[in-house]
Amino acid sequence: ESGGTSYGGGGTSTDSLLSIPAGTSKTASATLQAQAVKLWSSAEPTLYTVEVTVSAGPSCSGEVIDSMRASHGFRSLRYDANTGFFLNREHFKVRGFCDHNTFAIVGMAVPERVSLFRAQASRAVGGNGRRTSHNPPDPAVLDIYDRVGIVVMDENRLFANETRYVTNMGVLVKRDRNHPSVVIWSFCNEGGCEGSHETGGPRFQEISYRFDGSRPTLANMFSFGDLLSNTVDVQGFSHQSREKLDSCHAKLPHKPIYMSECCSCNTMRDEDEGCETIYDNPHKICTQKSFNARCTEVLTNASDGVDYAVGTMIWTL
């Protein structure tokens, strides 16, 4: 595949037998080869289960003393600076939502059933993406996205050129790398990406590739062309105009672009005429005019309307 960067691939099969004397530890690794698999996609999110078993006795013939199961999926990713994102070699425009990881009165202790409802609500309105803003998600949420076919931007919280933050990024990647729904890593958000923070980019890039390398990296930024912008694989933007995207595309022609946060087109009662807050007792004056249609036209279509943009993560659902 030319004109872009491909992420993902196959492997060969190997077998290994490991003997672990009591009171000691050892590390084993193996590569599995799966035949004629069905690919994971948004329309058909096919999952497979990998099971690892620890048995006592020779030749793994004794009592099973421990086991672990993990779901996984097979799919390929490609990000192109001119034509956007491809999932399994098919063009895929991401139309997603940011997830602030809270819900009503439960705060951040969101029950799995509520997370499932939100994922289903996103799909019901045509959504196919989710950004875990601005911190690592509950693993149970990624399990849900794996099952319902939502592609995920998995976002780190604290970003700087500090070992503790770099280590945290590595832990995030190792924890979430088996989820097929995760298609890109995000280092940081807005002001947390700017200024002196950007010097953390190279170390974050290195540890992400060390523990994964099958997915690109991104930062949700206001600007472009600095150290961090030139380090990440995909240029992320927060609430920027079509003019900003076009300028970036012209100056960084080999860099894929993603509207990783956008819009806040959140008015509900009217589209362009009227007022939202006048209906909210005890407000007597208008403090927020209706703007939903103009917001959608100016901001959402800034990325959805051009082929080179990967897609849009709306703030929020």
Protein backbone atom coordinates (compact mmCIF):
# COMPACT_ATOMS: atom_id res chain seq x y z
CA GLU A 1 0.00 0.00 0.00
CA SER A 2 1.64 3.23 -1.12
CA GLY A 3 1.10 6.82 -0.10
CA GLY A 4 0.66 6.18 3.61
CA THR A 5 1.88 4.33 6.66
CA SER A 6 0.53 0.86 7.40
CA TYR A 7 0.24 -0.46 10.93
CA GLY A 8 -0.31 -4.12 11.81
CA GLY A 9 0.66 -7.43 10.28
CA GLY A 10 0.88 -11.19 10.67
CA GLY A 11 3.25 -13.59 12.39
CA THR A 12 4.67 -17.09 12.41
CA SER A 13 3.91 -19.95 14.77
CA THR A 14 6.32 -21.20 17.45
CA ASP A 15 5.95 -23.56 20.41
CA SER A 16 7.72 -23.42 23.77
CA LEU A 17 7.68 -25.53 26.94
CA LEU A 18 8.84 -23.87 30.15
CA SER A 19 9.66 -25.60 33.41
CA ILE A 20 9.37 -23.35 36.48
CA PRO A 21 10.79 -24.77 39.73
CA ALA A 22 8.88 -23.91 42.89
CA GLY A 23 9.73 -20.52 44.31
CA THR A 24 11.18 -19.15 41.06
CA SER A 25 9.89 -17.24 38.05
CA LYS A 26 10.56 -17.33 34.32
CA THR A 27 9.28 -15.55 31.23
CA ALA A 28 7.92 -17.43 28.22
CA SER A 29 6.87 -16.07 24.84
CA ALA A 30 5.28 -17.59 21.78
CA THR A 31 3.86 -16.45 18.46
CA LEU A 32 0.51 -17.84 17.35
CA GLN A 33 -0.58 -18.21 13.75
CA ALA A 34 -4.32 -17.96 13.11
CA GLN A 35 -5.73 -19.31 9.87
CA ALA A 36 -8.51 -17.70 7.80
CA VAL A 37 -9.56 -15.23 10.46
CA LYS A 38 -12.49 -12.85 10.16
CA LEU A 39 -11.34 -9.26 10.44
CA TRP A 40 -12.49 -6.93 13.19
CA SER A 41 -14.40 -3.99 11.74
CA SER A 42 -16.91 -1.40 12.86
CA ALA A 43 -19.70 -3.21 11.03
CA GLU A 44 -18.61 -6.70 12.14
CA PRO A 45 -16.46 -6.50 15.28
CA THR A 46 -15.30 -10.11 15.30
CA LEU A 47 -13.33 -11.11 18.39
CA TYR A 48 -11.16 -14.11 19.21
CA THR A 49 -10.12 -15.41 22.63
CA VAL A 50 -6.53 -16.14 23.62
CA GLU A 51 -6.13 -18.36 26.68
CA VAL A 52 -2.91 -18.93 28.62
CA THR A 53 -2.75 -21.80 31.13
CA VAL A 54 -0.16 -22.67 33.77
CA SER A 55 -0.12 -26.37 34.68
CA ALA A 56 1.79 -28.29 37.31
CA GLY A 57 3.83 -31.34 36.34
CA PRO A 58 5.82 -32.34 33.25
CA SER A 59 4.61 -31.59 29.71
CA CYS A 60 1.73 -29.45 31.02
CA SER A 61 -0.14 -32.62 31.91
CA GLY A 62 -0.78 -31.87 35.57
CA GLU A 63 -3.31 -29.82 37.45
CA VAL A 64 -4.14 -26.40 36.05
CA ILE A 65 -3.03 -23.89 38.68
CA ASP A 66 -3.64 -20.63 36.84
CA SER A 67 -5.10 -19.34 33.58
CA MET A 68 -5.93 -16.08 31.84
CA ARG A 69 -8.20 -15.28 28.90
CA ALA A 70 -8.04 -12.19 26.72
CA SER A 71 -10.11 -11.17 23.70
CA HIS A 72 -8.37 -9.96 20.59
CA GLY A 73 -9.18 -8.99 17.02
CA PHE A 74 -7.44 -8.92 13.66
CA ARG A 75 -7.46 -5.76 11.57
CA SER A 76 -5.10 -3.46 9.67
CA LEU A 77 -4.70 0.31 9.99
CA ARG A 78 -3.39 2.90 7.57
CA TYR A 79 -3.23 6.67 7.96
CA ASP A 80 -2.67 8.71 4.82
CA ALA A 81 -1.83 12.43 4.66
CA ASN A 82 -4.06 12.97 1.62
CA THR A 83 -6.87 10.44 1.94
CA GLY A 84 -7.31 9.93 5.68
CA PHE A 85 -7.77 6.68 7.58
CA PHE A 86 -8.19 3.14 6.26
CA LEU A 87 -9.45 0.20 8.34
CA ASN A 88 -8.79 -3.16 6.69
CA ARG A 89 -7.82 -1.28 3.49
CA GLU A 90 -11.24 0.39 3.34
CA HIS A 91 -11.62 4.14 3.77
CA PHE A 92 -13.06 4.96 7.20
CA LYS A 93 -14.09 8.50 8.18
CA VAL A 94 -14.15 8.69 11.96
CA ARG A 95 -17.23 10.45 13.29
CA GLY A 96 -16.86 10.08 17.01
CA PHE A 97 -17.29 11.66 20.41
CA CYS A 98 -15.04 12.58 23.29
CA ASP A 99 -15.72 10.77 26.57
CA HIS A 100 -15.04 12.82 29.69
CA ASN A 101 -15.26 9.63 31.74
CA THR A 102 -18.04 10.92 34.00
CA PHE A 103 -21.79 10.49 34.06
CA ALA A 104 -24.37 12.50 36.01
CA ILE A 105 -24.43 11.83 39.76
CA VAL A 106 -22.10 8.82 39.69
CA GLY A 107 -19.08 10.93 38.73
CA MET A 108 -16.21 8.77 37.49
CA ALA A 109 -17.60 5.59 39.09
CA VAL A 110 -19.55 4.86 35.91
CA PRO A 111 -21.29 1.44 35.96
CA GLU A 112 -20.58 -0.82 32.99
CA ARG A 113 -24.26 -0.79 32.05
CA VAL A 114 -24.16 2.99 31.68
CA SER A 115 -20.97 2.75 29.59
CA LEU A 116 -22.71 0.23 27.35
CA PHE A 117 -25.71 2.55 27.01
CA ARG A 118 -23.45 5.43 25.96
CA ALA A 119 -21.68 3.27 23.40
CA GLN A 120 -25.01 2.12 21.98
CA ALA A 121 -26.31 5.71 21.95
CA SER A 122 -23.24 6.78 20.01
CA ARG A 123 -23.82 4.05 17.42
CA ALA A 124 -27.51 4.94 17.25
CA VAL A 125 -26.74 8.49 16.08
CA GLY A 126 -24.14 7.34 13.55
CA GLY A 127 -21.04 7.55 15.73
CA ASN A 128 -18.16 5.15 15.13
CA GLY A 129 -15.36 6.61 17.29
CA ARG A 130 -14.53 7.48 20.88
CA ARG A 131 -11.74 9.53 22.49
CA THR A 132 -10.91 8.71 26.11
CA SER A 133 -10.42 12.31 27.18
CA HIS A 134 -8.35 13.03 29.13
CA ASN A 135 -7.10 9.95 30.91
CA PRO A 136 -6.71 6.20 30.48
CA PRO A 137 -10.14 4.55 30.28
CA ASP A 138 -11.67 1.83 32.40
CA PRO A 139 -10.59 -1.45 30.69
CA ALA A 140 -14.22 -2.58 30.84
CA VAL A 141 -15.10 0.35 28.57
CA LEU A 142 -12.56 -0.81 25.97
CA ASP A 143 -14.13 -4.28 26.15
CA ILE A 144 -17.45 -2.66 25.26
CA TYR A 145 -15.96 -0.73 22.34
CA ASP A 146 -14.35 -3.94 21.10
CA ARG A 147 -17.77 -5.59 21.03
CA VAL A 148 -19.81 -2.77 19.47
CA GLY A 149 -17.27 -1.75 16.81
CA ILE A 150 -16.17 1.72 17.95
CA VAL A 151 -12.63 2.83 17.10
CA VAL A 152 -10.83 4.42 20.05
CA MET A 153 -8.31 7.21 20.55
CA ASP A 154 -6.68 6.06 23.81
CA GLU A 155 -5.46 9.14 25.70
CA ASN A 156 -2.80 9.60 28.36
CA ARG A 157 -3.28 12.08 31.22
CA LEU A 158 -0.03 13.74 32.34
CA PHE A 159 2.55 14.71 29.73
CA ALA A 160 6.04 16.12 30.22
CA ASN A 161 9.66 15.13 29.85
CA GLU A 162 9.58 13.34 33.20
CA THR A 163 10.34 9.67 33.77
CA ARG A 164 7.22 9.05 35.87
CA TYR A 165 4.97 10.33 33.09
CA VAL A 166 6.84 8.42 30.39
CA THR A 167 6.52 5.26 32.52
CA ASN A 168 2.77 5.84 32.85
CA MET A 169 2.47 6.07 29.06
CA GLY A 170 4.24 2.74 28.72
CA VAL A 171 1.90 1.16 31.26
CA LEU A 172 -1.10 2.47 29.30
CA VAL A 173 0.20 1.03 26.03
CA LYS A 174 1.00 -2.38 27.54
CA ARG A 175 -2.38 -2.56 29.26
CA ASP A 176 -4.53 -1.61 26.25
CA ARG A 177 -2.57 -2.87 23.22
CA ASN A 178 -4.61 -6.09 22.82
CA HIS A 179 -7.85 -4.17 22.19
CA PRO A 180 -8.63 -4.06 18.45
CA SER A 181 -10.82 -1.00 19.01
CA VAL A 182 -7.76 1.06 20.00
CA VAL A 183 -6.42 2.51 16.74
CA ILE A 184 -4.29 5.45 17.93
CA TRP A 185 -2.50 6.67 21.09
CA SER A 186 -2.93 10.26 22.29
CA PHE A 187 -0.17 11.78 24.45
CA CYS A 188 -1.85 14.88 25.83
CA ASN A 189 -4.59 17.49 25.67
CA GLU A 190 -4.51 21.18 24.67
CA GLY A 191 -2.49 23.27 27.18
CA GLY A 192 -0.94 20.09 28.53
CA CYS A 193 0.76 19.64 25.13
CA GLU A 194 2.09 23.18 24.78
CA GLY A 195 5.15 25.09 25.95
CA SER A 196 7.75 23.12 27.88
CA HIS A 197 5.50 20.05 27.91
CA GLU A 198 6.33 19.37 24.27
CA THR A 199 9.83 18.21 25.18
CA GLY A 200 8.26 14.99 26.42
CA GLY A 201 7.31 14.05 22.86
CA PRO A 202 10.40 12.05 21.83
CA ARG A 203 10.43 9.90 24.99
CA PHE A 204 6.69 9.28 24.79
CA GLN A 205 7.08 8.32 21.13
CA GLU A 206 9.91 5.91 21.94
CA ILE A 207 8.09 4.08 24.72
CA SER A 208 4.88 3.84 22.69
CA TYR A 209 6.76 2.19 19.85
CA ARG A 210 8.76 0.03 22.21
CA PHE A 211 5.65 -1.58 23.68
CA ASP A 212 3.46 -1.49 20.59
CA GLY A 213 4.46 0.05 17.26
CA SER A 214 1.33 -1.16 15.50
CA ARG A 215 -0.55 2.11 16.07
CA PRO A 216 0.37 5.75 15.40
CA THR A 217 0.61 8.53 17.96
CA LEU A 218 -1.16 11.89 18.25
CA ALA A 219 -1.39 14.97 20.47
CA ASN A 220 -4.58 17.07 20.78
CA MET A 221 -3.08 20.50 20.04
CA PHE A 222 -3.91 24.12 19.23
CA SER A 223 -0.77 24.62 17.15
CA PHE A 224 1.45 22.72 14.74
CA GLY A 225 5.00 22.72 13.43
CA ASP A 226 6.81 22.56 16.80
CA LEU A 227 8.82 19.70 18.35
CA LEU A 228 5.77 17.73 19.48
CA SER A 229 3.95 18.22 16.18
CA ASN A 230 7.01 16.96 14.31
CA THR A 231 7.35 13.98 16.67
CA VAL A 232 3.86 12.45 16.63
CA ASP A 233 2.65 10.45 13.64
CA VAL A 234 -0.72 12.21 13.28
CA GLN A 235 -1.38 15.92 13.87
CA GLY A 236 -4.30 16.36 16.25
CA PHE A 237 -6.25 19.62 16.54
CA SER A 238 -8.65 20.95 19.16
CA HIS A 239 -11.45 23.30 18.05
CA GLN A 240 -9.65 24.66 14.98
CA SER A 241 -10.98 26.06 11.72
CA ARG A 242 -10.80 24.71 8.18
CA GLU A 243 -8.22 27.42 7.48
CA LYS A 244 -5.94 26.02 10.23
CA LEU A 245 -6.30 22.48 8.86
CA ASP A 246 -5.62 23.64 5.29
CA SER A 247 -2.55 25.56 6.45
CA CYS A 248 -1.19 22.53 8.28
CA HIS A 249 -1.87 20.30 5.29
CA ALA A 250 0.03 22.67 3.04
CA LYS A 251 3.02 23.09 5.37
CA LEU A 252 3.17 19.44 6.55
CA PRO A 253 2.04 17.60 3.41
CA HIS A 254 3.15 14.19 4.67
CA LYS A 255 1.41 14.44 8.05
CA PRO A 256 -2.08 12.93 8.55
CA ILE A 257 -4.47 15.35 10.29
CA TYR A 258 -7.18 14.56 12.85
CA MET A 259 -9.76 16.92 14.43
CA SER A 260 -9.27 15.15 17.74
CA GLU A 261 -11.57 17.53 19.61
CA CYS A 262 -14.22 19.66 18.05
CA CYS A 263 -17.27 21.76 18.11
CA SER A 264 -19.30 21.62 21.33
CA CYS A 265 -22.36 22.06 19.12
CA ASN A 266 -24.54 21.36 22.11
CA THR A 267 -27.66 23.50 21.84
CA MET A 268 -30.86 21.50 21.95
CA ARG A 269 -34.02 23.58 21.54
CA ASP A 270 -33.29 25.72 18.49
CA GLU A 271 -30.80 25.64 15.66
CA ASP A 272 -29.75 29.20 14.77
CA GLU A 273 -32.53 31.42 16.07
CA GLY A 274 -33.61 31.75 19.67
CA CYS A 275 -31.97 31.33 23.04
CA GLU A 276 -31.16 28.30 25.14
CA THR A 277 -30.93 29.65 28.65
CA ILE A 278 -34.08 31.75 28.68
CA TYR A 279 -36.04 28.53 29.20
CA ASP A 280 -33.95 27.51 32.21
CA ASN A 281 -35.58 28.80 35.39
CA PRO A 282 -34.63 31.15 37.03
CA HIS A 283 -32.85 32.75 34.04
CA LYS A 284 -34.68 35.83 32.78
CA ILE A 285 -32.16 36.95 30.17
CA CYS A 286 -30.39 35.22 27.33
CA THR A 287 -26.85 34.11 28.23
CA GLN A 288 -26.40 31.60 25.41
CA LYS A 289 -27.86 32.10 21.98
CA SER A 290 -28.69 29.11 19.83
CA PHE A 291 -25.88 28.26 17.44
CA ASN A 292 -26.02 24.54 16.64
CA ALA A 293 -26.38 24.69 12.84
CA ARG A 294 -23.66 27.32 12.37
CA CYS A 295 -21.36 25.44 14.73
CA THR A 296 -21.84 22.22 12.81
CA GLU A 297 -21.25 23.94 9.48
CA VAL A 298 -18.14 25.85 10.51
CA LEU A 299 -16.43 23.35 12.81
CA THR A 300 -17.65 19.79 12.24
CA ASN A 301 -17.54 20.16 8.47
CA ALA A 302 -14.04 21.62 8.73
CA SER A 303 -12.74 18.08 9.09
CA ASP A 304 -15.60 15.93 7.84
CA GLY A 305 -15.68 17.92 4.60
CA VAL A 306 -12.13 17.19 3.42
CA ASP A 307 -10.63 13.89 2.38
CA TYR A 308 -7.27 14.43 4.04
CA ALA A 309 -8.71 14.64 7.59
CA VAL A 310 -9.04 11.38 9.51
CA GLY A 311 -12.27 12.51 11.15
CA THR A 312 -13.78 14.35 14.08
CA MET A 313 -14.22 13.74 17.82
CA ILE A 314 -17.17 15.86 18.96
CA TRP A 315 -17.15 17.36 22.44
CA THR A 316 -18.98 15.40 23.84
CA LEU A 317 -21.56 12.61 24.39
